[in-house]
Amino acid sequence: MRLFPLAAALIFGLTALAAPSTAQDRLSLDDAAKTQLIAAPKLREGGPDLAALGQRPVLVTFFASWCPPCAAEFAQLAQFITDEGETEVDIIAVNWIESLTGRSNARLARMIGRIHPSIAVIEGTDALDDRFGGVFSVPAVYLFDTSGNEVFRLGGDRGAHGRHFLRKEQLKAALGKIG
């Protein structure tokens, strides 16, 4: 019987850790975050003017070249851009944890070549990972309104990953809530 309180406390603690994020857990795209995104090394030219971040909603997605759901997400983002235009949202792709399976410059170059030219592609850093609350899986998507408030998040947490990626309909719905 003495194990019951311990087991109950353990289950409660694990449940609390797995609970969905609250308003307190929401991220913000503040000036420090913008500075880190602007300062990160670009992996190719093109994409939105990072110095003007915040004039439109901003979508930040973390990816890796070895991640099939990331490739599927980029196809969805390209279709969104084709359907809605390049002026709805600034999109920044952050190459994250590329070294997990060994960095392959050829694989990374192929992946970047498939990303729509209006998407900025930058190199991830530990500081960026920390700024976004510690990204544990890819793809991880964060959408911010023009005030820098997080309004949508998908993936990036512990647990099952690799099955979830942003679809263009989800992005349209999230942007529709911003107004």
C-alpha atoms as a PDB file:
ATOM      1  CA  MET A   1       0.000   0.000   0.000  1.00  0.00           C
ATOM      2  CA  ARG A   2       2.905   2.379   0.499  1.00  0.00           C
ATOM      3  CA  LEU A   3       3.702   2.162  -3.199  1.00  0.00           C
ATOM      4  CA  PHE A   4       0.282   3.527  -4.219  1.00  0.00           C
ATOM      5  CA  PRO A   5       1.013   7.180  -3.243  1.00  0.00           C
ATOM      6  CA  LEU A   6       4.381   6.973  -4.960  1.00  0.00           C
ATOM      7  CA  ALA A   7       2.874   5.463  -8.114  1.00  0.00           C
ATOM      8  CA  ALA A   8       0.056   8.035  -8.121  1.00  0.00           C
ATOM      9  CA  ALA A   9       2.552  10.888  -7.745  1.00  0.00           C
ATOM     10  CA  LEU A  10       4.673   9.481 -10.570  1.00  0.00           C
ATOM     11  CA  ILE A  11       1.672   9.121 -12.899  1.00  0.00           C
ATOM     12  CA  PHE A  12       0.448  12.639 -12.036  1.00  0.00           C
ATOM     13  CA  GLY A  13       3.918  14.072 -12.651  1.00  0.00           C
ATOM     14  CA  LEU A  14       4.291  12.354 -16.018  1.00  0.00           C
ATOM     15  CA  THR A  15       0.792  13.443 -17.031  1.00  0.00           C
ATOM     16  CA  ALA A  16       1.615  17.038 -16.130  1.00  0.00           C
ATOM     17  CA  LEU A  17       4.793  16.879 -18.222  1.00  0.00           C
ATOM     18  CA  ALA A  18       2.863  15.566 -21.217  1.00  0.00           C
ATOM     19  CA  ALA A  19       0.051  18.113 -20.895  1.00  0.00           C
ATOM     20  CA  PRO A  20      -0.532  20.446 -23.828  1.00  0.00           C
ATOM     21  CA  SER A  21       1.121  23.818 -23.699  1.00  0.00           C
ATOM     22  CA  THR A  22      -0.625  26.599 -21.850  1.00  0.00           C
ATOM     23  CA  ALA A  23      -0.570  30.317 -22.478  1.00  0.00           C
ATOM     24  CA  GLN A  24       2.468  30.475 -20.179  1.00  0.00           C
ATOM     25  CA  ASP A  25       4.312  28.055 -22.451  1.00  0.00           C
ATOM     26  CA  ARG A  26       3.644  30.083 -25.567  1.00  0.00           C
ATOM     27  CA  LEU A  27       6.654  31.485 -27.351  1.00  0.00           C
ATOM     28  CA  SER A  28       7.048  34.987 -28.655  1.00  0.00           C
ATOM     29  CA  LEU A  29       8.908  36.282 -31.642  1.00  0.00           C
ATOM     30  CA  ASP A  30      10.468  39.171 -29.777  1.00  0.00           C
ATOM     31  CA  ASP A  31      13.397  41.313 -30.868  1.00  0.00           C
ATOM     32  CA  ALA A  32      15.926  38.842 -29.435  1.00  0.00           C
ATOM     33  CA  ALA A  33      14.359  35.962 -31.398  1.00  0.00           C
ATOM     34  CA  LYS A  34      14.278  38.049 -34.578  1.00  0.00           C
ATOM     35  CA  THR A  35      17.940  38.965 -34.080  1.00  0.00           C
ATOM     36  CA  GLN A  36      18.873  35.286 -33.774  1.00  0.00           C
ATOM     37  CA  LEU A  37      16.948  34.386 -36.928  1.00  0.00           C
ATOM     38  CA  ILE A  38      18.536  37.277 -38.850  1.00  0.00           C
ATOM     39  CA  ALA A  39      22.051  36.413 -37.613  1.00  0.00           C
ATOM     40  CA  ALA A  40      21.826  32.690 -38.432  1.00  0.00           C
ATOM     41  CA  PRO A  41      23.872  31.649 -41.452  1.00  0.00           C
ATOM     42  CA  LYS A  42      21.776  31.459 -44.630  1.00  0.00           C
ATOM     43  CA  LEU A  43      21.999  28.154 -46.457  1.00  0.00           C
ATOM     44  CA  ARG A  44      20.858  29.820 -49.684  1.00  0.00           C
ATOM     45  CA  GLU A  45      19.859  33.230 -50.948  1.00  0.00           C
ATOM     46  CA  GLY A  46      16.227  34.193 -51.284  1.00  0.00           C
ATOM     47  CA  GLY A  47      13.212  34.162 -49.078  1.00  0.00           C
ATOM     48  CA  PRO A  48      11.632  37.023 -47.170  1.00  0.00           C
ATOM     49  CA  ASP A  49      13.566  40.047 -45.976  1.00  0.00           C
ATOM     50  CA  LEU A  50      14.463  38.847 -42.493  1.00  0.00           C
ATOM     51  CA  ALA A  51      15.198  42.404 -41.379  1.00  0.00           C
ATOM     52  CA  ALA A  52      11.472  43.173 -41.860  1.00  0.00           C
ATOM     53  CA  LEU A  53      10.193  40.258 -39.742  1.00  0.00           C
ATOM     54  CA  GLY A  54       6.938  40.975 -37.978  1.00  0.00           C
ATOM     55  CA  GLN A  55       5.252  43.049 -40.659  1.00  0.00           C
ATOM     56  CA  ARG A  56       3.366  39.885 -41.624  1.00  0.00           C
ATOM     57  CA  PRO A  57       2.740  36.654 -39.728  1.00  0.00           C
ATOM     58  CA  VAL A  58       5.902  34.558 -39.443  1.00  0.00           C
ATOM     59  CA  LEU A  59       6.090  30.779 -39.749  1.00  0.00           C
ATOM     60  CA  VAL A  60       9.259  29.093 -38.485  1.00  0.00           C
ATOM     61  CA  THR A  61       9.712  25.416 -39.323  1.00  0.00           C
ATOM     62  CA  PHE A  62      12.576  23.240 -38.135  1.00  0.00           C
ATOM     63  CA  PHE A  63      13.620  20.481 -40.554  1.00  0.00           C
ATOM     64  CA  ALA A  64      16.341  17.969 -41.363  1.00  0.00           C
ATOM     65  CA  SER A  65      17.303  16.672 -44.793  1.00  0.00           C
ATOM     66  CA  TRP A  66      16.862  13.059 -43.671  1.00  0.00           C
ATOM     67  CA  CYS A  67      13.250  13.671 -42.545  1.00  0.00           C
ATOM     68  CA  PRO A  68      10.562  12.430 -45.022  1.00  0.00           C
ATOM     69  CA  PRO A  69       7.720  14.305 -43.242  1.00  0.00           C
ATOM     70  CA  CYS A  70       9.774  17.492 -43.580  1.00  0.00           C
ATOM     71  CA  ALA A  71       9.903  17.000 -47.346  1.00  0.00           C
ATOM     72  CA  ALA A  72       6.134  16.430 -47.382  1.00  0.00           C
ATOM     73  CA  GLU A  73       5.633  19.593 -45.352  1.00  0.00           C
ATOM     74  CA  PHE A  74       7.702  21.642 -47.808  1.00  0.00           C
ATOM     75  CA  ALA A  75       5.530  20.328 -50.655  1.00  0.00           C
ATOM     76  CA  GLN A  76       2.456  21.529 -48.739  1.00  0.00           C
ATOM     77  CA  LEU A  77       4.049  24.925 -48.093  1.00  0.00           C
ATOM     78  CA  ALA A  78       4.931  25.251 -51.788  1.00  0.00           C
ATOM     79  CA  GLN A  79       1.323  24.479 -52.713  1.00  0.00           C
ATOM     80  CA  PHE A  80       0.104  27.048 -50.164  1.00  0.00           C
ATOM     81  CA  ILE A  81       2.420  29.676 -51.696  1.00  0.00           C
ATOM     82  CA  THR A  82       1.246  28.776 -55.211  1.00  0.00           C
ATOM     83  CA  ASP A  83      -2.425  29.032 -54.168  1.00  0.00           C
ATOM     84  CA  GLU A  84      -2.261  32.043 -51.837  1.00  0.00           C
ATOM     85  CA  GLY A  85       0.799  33.977 -52.969  1.00  0.00           C
ATOM     86  CA  GLU A  86       4.039  34.907 -51.247  1.00  0.00           C
ATOM     87  CA  THR A  87       2.654  37.820 -49.240  1.00  0.00           C
ATOM     88  CA  GLU A  88       0.455  35.989 -46.711  1.00  0.00           C
ATOM     89  CA  VAL A  89       3.212  34.862 -44.350  1.00  0.00           C
ATOM     90  CA  ASP A  90       7.005  35.022 -44.052  1.00  0.00           C
ATOM     91  CA  ILE A  91       8.365  31.464 -43.872  1.00  0.00           C
ATOM     92  CA  ILE A  92      11.733  30.568 -42.393  1.00  0.00           C
ATOM     93  CA  ALA A  93      13.075  27.005 -42.552  1.00  0.00           C
ATOM     94  CA  VAL A  94      15.676  26.177 -39.906  1.00  0.00           C
ATOM     95  CA  ASN A  95      17.949  23.219 -40.649  1.00  0.00           C
ATOM     96  CA  TRP A  96      18.059  21.409 -37.320  1.00  0.00           C
ATOM     97  CA  ILE A  97      20.172  18.586 -35.939  1.00  0.00           C
ATOM     98  CA  GLU A  98      21.519  17.660 -39.346  1.00  0.00           C
ATOM     99  CA  SER A  99      24.402  15.822 -37.735  1.00  0.00           C
ATOM    100  CA  LEU A 100      22.137  13.239 -36.062  1.00  0.00           C
ATOM    101  CA  THR A 101      22.626  10.822 -38.971  1.00  0.00           C
ATOM    102  CA  GLY A 102      25.833  12.356 -40.233  1.00  0.00           C
ATOM    103  CA  ARG A 103      25.808  15.521 -42.260  1.00  0.00           C
ATOM    104  CA  SER A 104      25.512  14.903 -45.956  1.00  0.00           C
ATOM    105  CA  ASN A 105      26.059  18.078 -47.924  1.00  0.00           C
ATOM    106  CA  ALA A 106      24.665  16.433 -51.073  1.00  0.00           C
ATOM    107  CA  ARG A 107      21.478  15.320 -49.276  1.00  0.00           C
ATOM    108  CA  LEU A 108      21.067  18.756 -47.696  1.00  0.00           C
ATOM    109  CA  ALA A 109      21.581  20.462 -51.079  1.00  0.00           C
ATOM    110  CA  ARG A 110      18.908  18.205 -52.656  1.00  0.00           C
ATOM    111  CA  MET A 111      16.458  19.047 -49.858  1.00  0.00           C
ATOM    112  CA  ILE A 112      17.129  22.790 -50.103  1.00  0.00           C
ATOM    113  CA  GLY A 113      16.657  22.571 -53.886  1.00  0.00           C
ATOM    114  CA  ARG A 114      13.109  21.268 -53.302  1.00  0.00           C
ATOM    115  CA  ILE A 115      12.155  24.110 -50.937  1.00  0.00           C
ATOM    116  CA  HIS A 116      10.131  26.931 -52.525  1.00  0.00           C
ATOM    117  CA  PRO A 117      12.399  29.902 -53.366  1.00  0.00           C
ATOM    118  CA  SER A 118      10.292  32.322 -51.297  1.00  0.00           C
ATOM    119  CA  ILE A 119      11.177  30.431 -48.103  1.00  0.00           C
ATOM    120  CA  ALA A 120      14.297  31.562 -46.242  1.00  0.00           C
ATOM    121  CA  VAL A 121      16.552  28.623 -45.332  1.00  0.00           C
ATOM    122  CA  ILE A 122      18.947  29.106 -42.435  1.00  0.00           C
ATOM    123  CA  GLU A 123      21.297  26.985 -40.375  1.00  0.00           C
ATOM    124  CA  GLY A 124      20.035  25.973 -36.957  1.00  0.00           C
ATOM    125  CA  THR A 125      22.043  26.777 -33.857  1.00  0.00           C
ATOM    126  CA  ASP A 126      21.838  25.726 -30.225  1.00  0.00           C
ATOM    127  CA  ALA A 127      20.733  29.271 -29.392  1.00  0.00           C
ATOM    128  CA  LEU A 128      17.820  29.039 -31.851  1.00  0.00           C
ATOM    129  CA  ASP A 129      16.863  25.635 -30.466  1.00  0.00           C
ATOM    130  CA  ASP A 130      16.836  27.117 -26.969  1.00  0.00           C
ATOM    131  CA  ARG A 131      14.865  30.179 -28.150  1.00  0.00           C
ATOM    132  CA  PHE A 132      12.123  27.863 -29.423  1.00  0.00           C
ATOM    133  CA  GLY A 133      11.909  25.951 -26.167  1.00  0.00           C
ATOM    134  CA  GLY A 134      14.092  23.039 -27.149  1.00  0.00           C
ATOM    135  CA  VAL A 135      13.030  21.321 -30.352  1.00  0.00           C
ATOM    136  CA  PHE A 136      12.875  17.566 -29.738  1.00  0.00           C
ATOM    137  CA  SER A 137      11.608  16.353 -33.111  1.00  0.00           C
ATOM    138  CA  VAL A 138      11.135  17.477 -36.689  1.00  0.00           C
ATOM    139  CA  PRO A 139       9.249  18.830 -38.401  1.00  0.00           C
ATOM    140  CA  ALA A 140       8.393  21.483 -35.833  1.00  0.00           C
ATOM    141  CA  VAL A 141       6.280  24.474 -36.854  1.00  0.00           C
ATOM    142  CA  TYR A 142       5.640  27.725 -34.993  1.00  0.00           C
ATOM    143  CA  LEU A 143       3.344  30.465 -36.334  1.00  0.00           C
ATOM    144  CA  PHE A 144       3.490  33.988 -34.927  1.00  0.00           C
ATOM    145  CA  ASP A 145       1.124  36.898 -35.531  1.00  0.00           C
ATOM    146  CA  THR A 146       2.377  40.395 -36.387  1.00  0.00           C
ATOM    147  CA  SER A 147       2.685  41.188 -32.669  1.00  0.00           C
ATOM    148  CA  GLY A 148       5.055  38.250 -32.254  1.00  0.00           C
ATOM    149  CA  ASN A 149       2.598  36.086 -30.310  1.00  0.00           C
ATOM    150  CA  GLU A 150       2.610  32.360 -30.981  1.00  0.00           C
ATOM    151  CA  VAL A 151      -0.760  31.386 -32.432  1.00  0.00           C
ATOM    152  CA  PHE A 152      -0.101  27.856 -33.698  1.00  0.00           C
ATOM    153  CA  ARG A 153       2.365  25.061 -33.016  1.00  0.00           C
ATOM    154  CA  LEU A 154       2.727  21.609 -34.499  1.00  0.00           C
ATOM    155  CA  GLY A 155       5.334  19.008 -33.588  1.00  0.00           C
ATOM    156  CA  GLY A 156       8.699  19.648 -32.042  1.00  0.00           C
ATOM    157  CA  ASP A 157       7.911  17.893 -28.793  1.00  0.00           C
ATOM    158  CA  ARG A 158       8.850  14.545 -27.323  1.00  0.00           C
ATOM    159  CA  GLY A 159       6.977  11.424 -28.210  1.00  0.00           C
ATOM    160  CA  ALA A 160       5.580  10.204 -31.472  1.00  0.00           C
ATOM    161  CA  HIS A 161       6.951  12.219 -34.324  1.00  0.00           C
ATOM    162  CA  GLY A 162       7.517  11.748 -37.983  1.00  0.00           C
ATOM    163  CA  ARG A 163       3.821  11.342 -38.715  1.00  0.00           C
ATOM    164  CA  HIS A 164       2.752  14.933 -38.279  1.00  0.00           C
ATOM    165  CA  PHE A 165       3.570  17.739 -40.630  1.00  0.00           C
ATOM    166  CA  LEU A 166       1.867  20.985 -41.515  1.00  0.00           C
ATOM    167  CA  ARG A 167      -0.718  20.786 -44.257  1.00  0.00           C
ATOM    168  CA  LYS A 168      -1.694  23.810 -46.314  1.00  0.00           C
ATOM    169  CA  GLU A 169      -5.274  23.639 -44.947  1.00  0.00           C
ATOM    170  CA  GLN A 170      -3.959  23.853 -41.384  1.00  0.00           C
ATOM    171  CA  LEU A 171      -1.870  26.901 -42.267  1.00  0.00           C
ATOM    172  CA  LYS A 172      -4.843  28.584 -43.978  1.00  0.00           C
ATOM    173  CA  ALA A 173      -7.025  27.933 -40.924  1.00  0.00           C
ATOM    174  CA  ALA A 174      -4.384  29.234 -38.502  1.00  0.00           C
ATOM    175  CA  LEU A 175      -3.819  32.371 -40.582  1.00  0.00           C
ATOM    176  CA  GLY A 176      -7.591  32.869 -40.794  1.00  0.00           C
ATOM    177  CA  LYS A 177      -7.765  33.053 -37.003  1.00  0.00           C
ATOM    178  CA  ILE A 178      -5.184  35.845 -36.979  1.00  0.00           C
ATOM    179  CA  GLY A 179      -7.411  37.972 -39.192  1.00  0.00           C
END
